[in-house]
C-alpha atoms as a PDB file:
ATOM      1  CA  UNK A   1     -13.391   5.183  -2.651  1.00  0.00           C
ATOM      2  CA  UNK A   2     -11.313   2.096  -1.354  1.00  0.00           C
ATOM      3  CA  UNK A   3     -10.569   0.957  -4.795  1.00  0.00           C
ATOM      4  CA  UNK A   4      -9.420   4.567  -5.787  1.00  0.00           C
ATOM      5  CA  UNK A   5      -7.032   4.719  -3.252  1.00  0.00           C
ATOM      6  CA  UNK A   6      -5.275   1.580  -4.083  1.00  0.00           C
ATOM      7  CA  UNK A   7      -5.432   2.539  -7.619  1.00  0.00           C
ATOM      8  CA  UNK A   8      -3.739   5.900  -7.027  1.00  0.00           C
ATOM      9  CA  UNK A   9      -0.908   4.131  -4.775  1.00  0.00           C
ATOM     10  CA  UNK A  10      -0.225   1.513  -7.637  1.00  0.00           C
ATOM     11  CA  UNK A  11      -0.384   4.393 -10.432  1.00  0.00           C
ATOM     12  CA  UNK A  12       2.026   6.427  -8.255  1.00  0.00           C
ATOM     13  CA  UNK A  13       4.466   3.357  -7.788  1.00  0.00           C
ATOM     14  CA  UNK A  14       4.434   2.751 -11.689  1.00  0.00           C
ATOM     15  CA  UNK A  15       5.240   6.324 -12.407  1.00  0.00           C
ATOM     16  CA  UNK A  16       7.808   6.411  -9.737  1.00  0.00           C
ATOM     17  CA  UNK A  17       9.607   3.119 -11.324  1.00  0.00           C
ATOM     18  CA  UNK A  18       9.492   4.523 -14.831  1.00  0.00           C
ATOM     19  CA  UNK A  19      11.064   7.869 -13.611  1.00  0.00           C
ATOM     20  CA  UNK A  20      13.576   5.978 -11.993  1.00  0.00           C
ATOM     21  CA  UNK A  21      14.372   3.722 -14.566  1.00  0.00           C
ATOM     22  CA  UNK A  22      14.874   6.633 -16.966  1.00  0.00           C
ATOM     23  CA  UNK A  23      17.157   8.517 -14.707  1.00  0.00           C
ATOM     24  CA  UNK A  24      19.583   5.215 -14.768  1.00  0.00           C
ATOM     25  CA  UNK A  25      20.587   4.475 -11.159  1.00  0.00           C
ATOM     26  CA  UNK A  26      22.584   1.833  -9.816  1.00  0.00           C
ATOM     27  CA  UNK A  27      21.243  -1.331  -8.550  1.00  0.00           C
ATOM     28  CA  UNK A  28      21.886  -0.332  -5.194  1.00  0.00           C
ATOM     29  CA  UNK A  29      19.999   2.887  -5.477  1.00  0.00           C
ATOM     30  CA  UNK A  30      17.074   1.367  -7.223  1.00  0.00           C
ATOM     31  CA  UNK A  31      16.890  -1.279  -4.522  1.00  0.00           C
ATOM     32  CA  UNK A  32      16.836   1.318  -1.816  1.00  0.00           C
ATOM     33  CA  UNK A  33      14.021   3.294  -3.684  1.00  0.00           C
ATOM     34  CA  UNK A  34      12.049   0.328  -4.247  1.00  0.00           C
ATOM     35  CA  UNK A  35      12.350  -0.719  -0.090  1.00  0.00           C
ATOM     36  CA  UNK A  36      11.123   2.682   0.628  1.00  0.00           C
ATOM     37  CA  UNK A  37       8.215   2.536  -1.952  1.00  0.00           C
ATOM     38  CA  UNK A  38       7.293  -0.803  -0.295  1.00  0.00           C
ATOM     39  CA  UNK A  39       7.508   0.658   3.171  1.00  0.00           C
ATOM     40  CA  UNK A  40       5.018   3.610   2.059  1.00  0.00           C
ATOM     41  CA  UNK A  41       2.605   1.193   0.830  1.00  0.00           C
ATOM     42  CA  UNK A  42       2.672  -0.795   3.886  1.00  0.00           C
ATOM     43  CA  UNK A  43       2.415   2.441   6.087  1.00  0.00           C
ATOM     44  CA  UNK A  44      -0.864   3.496   4.066  1.00  0.00           C
ATOM     45  CA  UNK A  45      -2.510   0.350   3.772  1.00  0.00           C
ATOM     46  CA  UNK A  46      -1.969  -0.307   7.669  1.00  0.00           C
ATOM     47  CA  UNK A  47      -3.809   3.089   8.155  1.00  0.00           C
ATOM     48  CA  UNK A  48      -6.516   2.505   5.746  1.00  0.00           C
ATOM     49  CA  UNK A  49      -7.167  -1.115   7.382  1.00  0.00           C
ATOM     50  CA  UNK A  50      -6.945   0.317  10.927  1.00  0.00           C
ATOM     51  CA  UNK A  51      -9.541   2.823  10.305  1.00  0.00           C
ATOM     52  CA  UNK A  52     -11.906   0.557   8.498  1.00  0.00           C
ATOM     53  CA  UNK A  53     -11.682  -1.831  11.576  1.00  0.00           C
ATOM     54  CA  UNK A  54     -12.223   1.149  13.981  1.00  0.00           C
ATOM     55  CA  UNK A  55     -15.335   2.066  11.991  1.00  0.00           C
ATOM     56  CA  UNK A  56     -16.836  -1.381  12.356  1.00  0.00           C
ATOM     57  CA  UNK A  57     -19.576  -2.089  15.139  1.00  0.00           C
ATOM     58  CA  UNK A  58     -18.691  -4.198  18.071  1.00  0.00           C
ATOM     59  CA  UNK A  59     -21.228  -6.826  16.647  1.00  0.00           C
ATOM     60  CA  UNK A  60     -19.544  -6.688  13.349  1.00  0.00           C
ATOM     61  CA  UNK A  61     -16.121  -7.228  14.845  1.00  0.00           C
ATOM     62  CA  UNK A  62     -17.661 -10.321  16.708  1.00  0.00           C
ATOM     63  CA  UNK A  63     -19.557 -11.755  13.751  1.00  0.00           C
ATOM     64  CA  UNK A  64     -16.501 -11.396  11.315  1.00  0.00           C
ATOM     65  CA  UNK A  65     -14.944 -14.526  10.198  1.00  0.00           C
ATOM     66  CA  UNK A  66     -11.358 -14.632   9.178  1.00  0.00           C
ATOM     67  CA  UNK A  67     -10.384 -15.257   5.837  1.00  0.00           C
ATOM     68  CA  UNK A  68      -9.146 -18.846   4.789  1.00  0.00           C
ATOM     69  CA  UNK A  69      -6.363 -19.740   3.166  1.00  0.00           C
END
């Protein structure tokens, strides 16, 4: 289910960019729309991550190792 959400978000952004390019906006308008899209994705991913973390049990939270760079 998680992968489907990310896929739908990505597909929606691709369609939005293609429609936006077809309309021929100015560079400023295009930038504003891209910033809005990035904000929308950030908010959605925040809620997805938050819900996943809340579903974890306390022992899973304690045993979880942070990812390494």
